[in-house]
Amino acid sequence: MLVATAAFACVATVTPGPNNTMLAASGMAHGIRRTLPMMAGFLCGLLVLLVLVAAGLGAVLVRLPALHLGLKVAGVAYLLWLASRLWRASAGSDAAPVPAPLGFLAGCAFQAINPKAWMMTVSAVGAYASPGAGYWPSVALLVAVFALCGLSSGLLWSAFGSALRRQLTDPRRARLLGRAMAVLTAASCLLVLD
């Protein structure tokens, strides 16, 4: 059970999605150190969401498709806004500045509208939380495994973005990287809309 849970959590947290795209973009624009509060907020928000889903919020989401749709629309709208900011910032010095990374609290709150986070947590609880008396111990195990995998994934994506930052000395290359991050941020909406 632990191996299957860990495999699911690692794959779910490391694959591209809104959090990871934003971490890479922030690492590229601001460096890993300034991205850490956002990364910690994403992780904390994901773990809180996991516990809330286990406590019954996931069932509410399944029963209210309009709420699920609303979360998707809000998440997509935010990601498209962020992608447009990244695109304009890569255009040159008179364009909009690169948005500052989200802080810890905003990173936590973002998980409420992050459809991938909802899908991950609902799937994890449904598949790996043991029924009956072992339910809450299995949820605690899920939280621990997601904490480790999420931390590793967040550091990986932030470091990836930070490594790209070294390529920003050439203005043309910086523009291409900035626009690539904008396109990836917008493309992460496709993962939300499936």
C-alpha atoms as a PDB file:
ATOM      1  CA  MET A   1       0.000   0.000   0.000  1.00  0.00           C
ATOM      2  CA  LEU A   2       2.784   2.441   0.882  1.00  0.00           C
ATOM      3  CA  VAL A   3       4.592   1.848  -2.434  1.00  0.00           C
ATOM      4  CA  ALA A   4       1.410   2.396  -4.454  1.00  0.00           C
ATOM      5  CA  THR A   5       0.535   5.510  -2.444  1.00  0.00           C
ATOM      6  CA  ALA A   6       4.036   6.923  -2.885  1.00  0.00           C
ATOM      7  CA  ALA A   7       4.051   6.178  -6.617  1.00  0.00           C
ATOM      8  CA  PHE A   8       0.694   7.919  -7.059  1.00  0.00           C
ATOM      9  CA  ALA A   9       1.731  10.942  -4.968  1.00  0.00           C
ATOM     10  CA  CYS A  10       5.064  11.331  -6.775  1.00  0.00           C
ATOM     11  CA  VAL A  11       3.519  11.123 -10.239  1.00  0.00           C
ATOM     12  CA  ALA A  12       0.632  13.415  -9.259  1.00  0.00           C
ATOM     13  CA  THR A  13       2.864  16.098  -7.768  1.00  0.00           C
ATOM     14  CA  VAL A  14       5.699  16.080 -10.313  1.00  0.00           C
ATOM     15  CA  THR A  15       3.634  16.193 -13.507  1.00  0.00           C
ATOM     16  CA  PRO A  16       2.992  19.597 -15.074  1.00  0.00           C
ATOM     17  CA  GLY A  17       0.065  21.558 -13.755  1.00  0.00           C
ATOM     18  CA  PRO A  18      -0.742  25.011 -12.422  1.00  0.00           C
ATOM     19  CA  ASN A  19       1.445  24.774  -9.300  1.00  0.00           C
ATOM     20  CA  ASN A  20       4.511  23.406 -11.073  1.00  0.00           C
ATOM     21  CA  THR A  21       4.249  25.811 -13.995  1.00  0.00           C
ATOM     22  CA  MET A  22       3.952  28.749 -11.615  1.00  0.00           C
ATOM     23  CA  LEU A  23       6.919  27.496  -9.565  1.00  0.00           C
ATOM     24  CA  ALA A  24       9.098  27.193 -12.666  1.00  0.00           C
ATOM     25  CA  ALA A  25       8.035  30.635 -13.913  1.00  0.00           C
ATOM     26  CA  SER A  26       8.706  32.185 -10.516  1.00  0.00           C
ATOM     27  CA  GLY A  27      12.055  30.410 -10.191  1.00  0.00           C
ATOM     28  CA  MET A  28      13.009  31.760 -13.611  1.00  0.00           C
ATOM     29  CA  ALA A  29      11.856  35.311 -12.898  1.00  0.00           C
ATOM     30  CA  HIS A  30      12.791  35.667  -9.234  1.00  0.00           C
ATOM     31  CA  GLY A  31      15.115  32.802  -8.262  1.00  0.00           C
ATOM     32  CA  ILE A  32      14.494  29.879  -5.986  1.00  0.00           C
ATOM     33  CA  ARG A  33      14.856  31.799  -2.718  1.00  0.00           C
ATOM     34  CA  ARG A  34      12.018  34.253  -3.490  1.00  0.00           C
ATOM     35  CA  THR A  35       9.900  31.335  -4.746  1.00  0.00           C
ATOM     36  CA  LEU A  36      10.140  29.328  -1.501  1.00  0.00           C
ATOM     37  CA  PRO A  37       7.200  31.031   0.318  1.00  0.00           C
ATOM     38  CA  MET A  38       4.917  30.333  -2.642  1.00  0.00           C
ATOM     39  CA  MET A  39       6.123  26.732  -2.799  1.00  0.00           C
ATOM     40  CA  ALA A  40       5.510  26.284   0.941  1.00  0.00           C
ATOM     41  CA  GLY A  41       2.035  27.788   0.534  1.00  0.00           C
ATOM     42  CA  PHE A  42       1.213  25.459  -2.358  1.00  0.00           C
ATOM     43  CA  LEU A  43       2.291  22.450  -0.296  1.00  0.00           C
ATOM     44  CA  CYS A  44       0.475  23.523   2.867  1.00  0.00           C
ATOM     45  CA  GLY A  45      -2.681  24.324   0.891  1.00  0.00           C
ATOM     46  CA  LEU A  46      -2.538  20.946  -0.845  1.00  0.00           C
ATOM     47  CA  LEU A  47      -2.201  19.106   2.463  1.00  0.00           C
ATOM     48  CA  VAL A  48      -5.071  21.068   4.032  1.00  0.00           C
ATOM     49  CA  LEU A  49      -7.170  20.326   0.966  1.00  0.00           C
ATOM     50  CA  LEU A  50      -6.311  16.632   1.270  1.00  0.00           C
ATOM     51  CA  VAL A  51      -7.545  16.561   4.877  1.00  0.00           C
ATOM     52  CA  LEU A  52     -10.697  18.529   3.993  1.00  0.00           C
ATOM     53  CA  VAL A  53     -11.471  16.137   1.143  1.00  0.00           C
ATOM     54  CA  ALA A  54     -10.967  13.201   3.503  1.00  0.00           C
ATOM     55  CA  ALA A  55     -13.335  14.869   5.986  1.00  0.00           C
ATOM     56  CA  GLY A  56     -16.103  14.982   3.368  1.00  0.00           C
ATOM     57  CA  LEU A  57     -15.527  18.023   1.173  1.00  0.00           C
ATOM     58  CA  GLY A  58     -14.672  15.791  -1.783  1.00  0.00           C
ATOM     59  CA  ALA A  59     -18.133  14.241  -1.635  1.00  0.00           C
ATOM     60  CA  VAL A  60     -19.677  17.719  -1.771  1.00  0.00           C
ATOM     61  CA  LEU A  61     -17.663  18.523  -4.882  1.00  0.00           C
ATOM     62  CA  VAL A  62     -18.819  15.311  -6.555  1.00  0.00           C
ATOM     63  CA  ARG A  63     -22.466  16.048  -5.692  1.00  0.00           C
ATOM     64  CA  LEU A  64     -22.322  19.664  -6.910  1.00  0.00           C
ATOM     65  CA  PRO A  65     -21.016  19.708 -10.492  1.00  0.00           C
ATOM     66  CA  ALA A  66     -21.652  23.476 -10.711  1.00  0.00           C
ATOM     67  CA  LEU A  67     -19.154  24.041  -7.887  1.00  0.00           C
ATOM     68  CA  HIS A  68     -16.641  21.842  -9.685  1.00  0.00           C
ATOM     69  CA  LEU A  69     -17.166  23.839 -12.885  1.00  0.00           C
ATOM     70  CA  GLY A  70     -16.831  27.114 -10.983  1.00  0.00           C
ATOM     71  CA  LEU A  71     -13.474  26.008  -9.557  1.00  0.00           C
ATOM     72  CA  LYS A  72     -12.268  25.112 -13.040  1.00  0.00           C
ATOM     73  CA  VAL A  73     -13.365  28.456 -14.501  1.00  0.00           C
ATOM     74  CA  ALA A  74     -11.720  30.430 -11.675  1.00  0.00           C
ATOM     75  CA  GLY A  75      -8.507  28.421 -11.991  1.00  0.00           C
ATOM     76  CA  VAL A  76      -8.359  28.814 -15.771  1.00  0.00           C
ATOM     77  CA  ALA A  77      -9.087  32.553 -15.554  1.00  0.00           C
ATOM     78  CA  TYR A  78      -6.251  33.065 -13.083  1.00  0.00           C
ATOM     79  CA  LEU A  79      -3.801  31.000 -15.118  1.00  0.00           C
ATOM     80  CA  LEU A  80      -4.649  32.874 -18.330  1.00  0.00           C
ATOM     81  CA  TRP A  81      -4.207  36.207 -16.535  1.00  0.00           C
ATOM     82  CA  LEU A  82      -0.820  35.035 -15.239  1.00  0.00           C
ATOM     83  CA  ALA A  83       0.199  33.781 -18.706  1.00  0.00           C
ATOM     84  CA  SER A  84      -0.693  37.155 -20.244  1.00  0.00           C
ATOM     85  CA  ARG A  85       1.416  38.938 -17.618  1.00  0.00           C
ATOM     86  CA  LEU A  86       4.365  36.638 -18.325  1.00  0.00           C
ATOM     87  CA  TRP A  87       3.978  37.161 -22.078  1.00  0.00           C
ATOM     88  CA  ARG A  88       3.873  40.961 -21.768  1.00  0.00           C
ATOM     89  CA  ALA A  89       6.781  40.988 -19.320  1.00  0.00           C
ATOM     90  CA  SER A  90       8.920  39.084 -21.821  1.00  0.00           C
ATOM     91  CA  ALA A  91       8.173  41.690 -24.519  1.00  0.00           C
ATOM     92  CA  GLY A  92      10.598  44.252 -23.180  1.00  0.00           C
ATOM     93  CA  SER A  93      11.242  46.897 -20.570  1.00  0.00           C
ATOM     94  CA  ASP A  94       8.085  48.987 -21.194  1.00  0.00           C
ATOM     95  CA  ALA A  95       5.784  45.982 -20.805  1.00  0.00           C
ATOM     96  CA  ALA A  96       4.080  44.836 -17.638  1.00  0.00           C
ATOM     97  CA  PRO A  97       6.530  43.696 -14.970  1.00  0.00           C
ATOM     98  CA  VAL A  98       6.741  40.006 -14.136  1.00  0.00           C
ATOM     99  CA  PRO A  99       4.269  39.425 -11.320  1.00  0.00           C
ATOM    100  CA  ALA A 100       5.846  38.895  -7.920  1.00  0.00           C
ATOM    101  CA  PRO A 101       5.622  35.328  -6.690  1.00  0.00           C
ATOM    102  CA  LEU A 102       2.609  34.511  -4.567  1.00  0.00           C
ATOM    103  CA  GLY A 103       3.298  34.607  -0.853  1.00  0.00           C
ATOM    104  CA  PHE A 104       2.641  31.756   1.546  1.00  0.00           C
ATOM    105  CA  LEU A 105      -1.021  32.594   2.263  1.00  0.00           C
ATOM    106  CA  ALA A 106      -1.873  33.272  -1.379  1.00  0.00           C
ATOM    107  CA  GLY A 107      -0.180  30.000  -2.339  1.00  0.00           C
ATOM    108  CA  CYS A 108      -2.309  28.174   0.226  1.00  0.00           C
ATOM    109  CA  ALA A 109      -5.473  29.888  -0.970  1.00  0.00           C
ATOM    110  CA  PHE A 110      -4.681  29.158  -4.629  1.00  0.00           C
ATOM    111  CA  GLN A 111      -5.244  25.454  -3.965  1.00  0.00           C
ATOM    112  CA  ALA A 112      -8.953  26.186  -3.473  1.00  0.00           C
ATOM    113  CA  ILE A 113      -9.229  27.087  -7.188  1.00  0.00           C
ATOM    114  CA  ASN A 114      -6.575  24.713  -8.478  1.00  0.00           C
ATOM    115  CA  PRO A 115      -8.531  21.952 -10.228  1.00  0.00           C
ATOM    116  CA  LYS A 116      -5.500  19.659 -10.446  1.00  0.00           C
ATOM    117  CA  ALA A 117      -5.131  19.845  -6.657  1.00  0.00           C
ATOM    118  CA  TRP A 118      -8.790  18.918  -6.262  1.00  0.00           C
ATOM    119  CA  MET A 119      -8.489  16.017  -8.702  1.00  0.00           C
ATOM    120  CA  MET A 120      -5.335  14.740  -6.994  1.00  0.00           C
ATOM    121  CA  THR A 121      -6.782  14.879  -3.497  1.00  0.00           C
ATOM    122  CA  VAL A 122     -10.172  13.397  -4.393  1.00  0.00           C
ATOM    123  CA  SER A 123      -8.445  10.578  -6.311  1.00  0.00           C
ATOM    124  CA  ALA A 124      -5.921   9.941  -3.535  1.00  0.00           C
ATOM    125  CA  VAL A 125      -8.537   9.740  -0.793  1.00  0.00           C
ATOM    126  CA  GLY A 126     -10.812   7.593  -2.946  1.00  0.00           C
ATOM    127  CA  ALA A 127      -8.071   5.166  -3.893  1.00  0.00           C
ATOM    128  CA  TYR A 128      -5.755   5.028  -0.872  1.00  0.00           C
ATOM    129  CA  ALA A 129      -7.742   5.868   2.281  1.00  0.00           C
ATOM    130  CA  SER A 130      -8.685   2.627   4.002  1.00  0.00           C
ATOM    131  CA  PRO A 131     -12.321   2.249   5.002  1.00  0.00           C
ATOM    132  CA  GLY A 132     -13.405   1.635   8.573  1.00  0.00           C
ATOM    133  CA  ALA A 133     -11.254   2.024  11.657  1.00  0.00           C
ATOM    134  CA  GLY A 134      -8.068   2.499   9.651  1.00  0.00           C
ATOM    135  CA  TYR A 135      -9.443   5.492   7.735  1.00  0.00           C
ATOM    136  CA  TRP A 136      -7.761   8.365   9.571  1.00  0.00           C
ATOM    137  CA  PRO A 137      -4.391   6.571   9.994  1.00  0.00           C
ATOM    138  CA  SER A 138      -4.400   5.962   6.215  1.00  0.00           C
ATOM    139  CA  VAL A 139      -5.268   9.647   5.635  1.00  0.00           C
ATOM    140  CA  ALA A 140      -2.332  10.595   7.890  1.00  0.00           C
ATOM    141  CA  LEU A 141      -0.108   8.375   5.751  1.00  0.00           C
ATOM    142  CA  LEU A 142      -1.438  10.096   2.610  1.00  0.00           C
ATOM    143  CA  VAL A 143      -0.631  13.499   4.103  1.00  0.00           C
ATOM    144  CA  ALA A 144       2.922  12.406   5.009  1.00  0.00           C
ATOM    145  CA  VAL A 145       3.583  10.891   1.579  1.00  0.00           C
ATOM    146  CA  PHE A 146       2.137  13.906  -0.260  1.00  0.00           C
ATOM    147  CA  ALA A 147       4.225  16.212   1.956  1.00  0.00           C
ATOM    148  CA  LEU A 148       7.453  14.445   0.975  1.00  0.00           C
ATOM    149  CA  CYS A 149       6.599  14.095  -2.703  1.00  0.00           C
ATOM    150  CA  GLY A 150       5.171  17.617  -2.936  1.00  0.00           C
ATOM    151  CA  LEU A 151       8.235  19.142  -1.283  1.00  0.00           C
ATOM    152  CA  SER A 152      10.564  17.269  -3.631  1.00  0.00           C
ATOM    153  CA  SER A 153       8.508  18.201  -6.681  1.00  0.00           C
ATOM    154  CA  GLY A 154       8.228  21.853  -5.656  1.00  0.00           C
ATOM    155  CA  LEU A 155      11.964  22.131  -5.147  1.00  0.00           C
ATOM    156  CA  LEU A 156      12.596  20.409  -8.478  1.00  0.00           C
ATOM    157  CA  TRP A 157      10.329  22.744 -10.469  1.00  0.00           C
ATOM    158  CA  SER A 158      11.610  25.858  -8.661  1.00  0.00           C
ATOM    159  CA  ALA A 159      15.202  24.778  -9.286  1.00  0.00           C
ATOM    160  CA  PHE A 160      14.380  24.085 -12.933  1.00  0.00           C
ATOM    161  CA  GLY A 161      13.075  27.625 -13.320  1.00  0.00           C
ATOM    162  CA  SER A 162      16.037  29.035 -11.440  1.00  0.00           C
ATOM    163  CA  ALA A 163      18.434  27.130 -13.725  1.00  0.00           C
ATOM    164  CA  LEU A 164      16.684  28.684 -16.718  1.00  0.00           C
ATOM    165  CA  ARG A 165      17.291  32.085 -15.128  1.00  0.00           C
ATOM    166  CA  ARG A 166      20.999  31.764 -15.908  1.00  0.00           C
ATOM    167  CA  GLN A 167      20.053  31.821 -19.586  1.00  0.00           C
ATOM    168  CA  LEU A 168      18.512  35.292 -19.213  1.00  0.00           C
ATOM    169  CA  THR A 169      21.717  37.247 -19.895  1.00  0.00           C
ATOM    170  CA  ASP A 170      20.931  37.306 -23.625  1.00  0.00           C
ATOM    171  CA  PRO A 171      17.793  39.488 -24.123  1.00  0.00           C
ATOM    172  CA  ARG A 172      16.581  37.420 -27.069  1.00  0.00           C
ATOM    173  CA  ARG A 173      16.947  34.185 -25.120  1.00  0.00           C
ATOM    174  CA  ALA A 174      15.255  35.787 -22.094  1.00  0.00           C
ATOM    175  CA  ARG A 175      12.304  36.818 -24.275  1.00  0.00           C
ATOM    176  CA  LEU A 176      12.005  33.292 -25.699  1.00  0.00           C
ATOM    177  CA  LEU A 177      12.156  31.683 -22.258  1.00  0.00           C
ATOM    178  CA  GLY A 178       9.625  34.149 -20.850  1.00  0.00           C
ATOM    179  CA  ARG A 179       7.243  33.501 -23.690  1.00  0.00           C
ATOM    180  CA  ALA A 180       7.755  29.750 -23.398  1.00  0.00           C
ATOM    181  CA  MET A 181       6.786  29.962 -19.715  1.00  0.00           C
ATOM    182  CA  ALA A 182       3.723  32.031 -20.670  1.00  0.00           C
ATOM    183  CA  VAL A 183       2.688  29.410 -23.231  1.00  0.00           C
ATOM    184  CA  LEU A 184       3.251  26.576 -20.726  1.00  0.00           C
ATOM    185  CA  THR A 185       1.188  28.426 -18.124  1.00  0.00           C
ATOM    186  CA  ALA A 186      -1.642  28.876 -20.626  1.00  0.00           C
ATOM    187  CA  ALA A 187      -1.273  25.265 -21.791  1.00  0.00           C
ATOM    188  CA  SER A 188      -1.682  24.016 -18.226  1.00  0.00           C
ATOM    189  CA  CYS A 189      -5.321  25.130 -18.623  1.00  0.00           C
ATOM    190  CA  LEU A 190      -5.772  22.187 -21.005  1.00  0.00           C
ATOM    191  CA  LEU A 191      -4.936  19.828 -18.147  1.00  0.00           C
ATOM    192  CA  VAL A 192      -7.654  21.501 -16.092  1.00  0.00           C
ATOM    193  CA  LEU A 193     -10.317  21.333 -18.798  1.00  0.00           C
ATOM    194  CA  ASP A 194     -10.114  17.619 -19.610  1.00  0.00           C
END
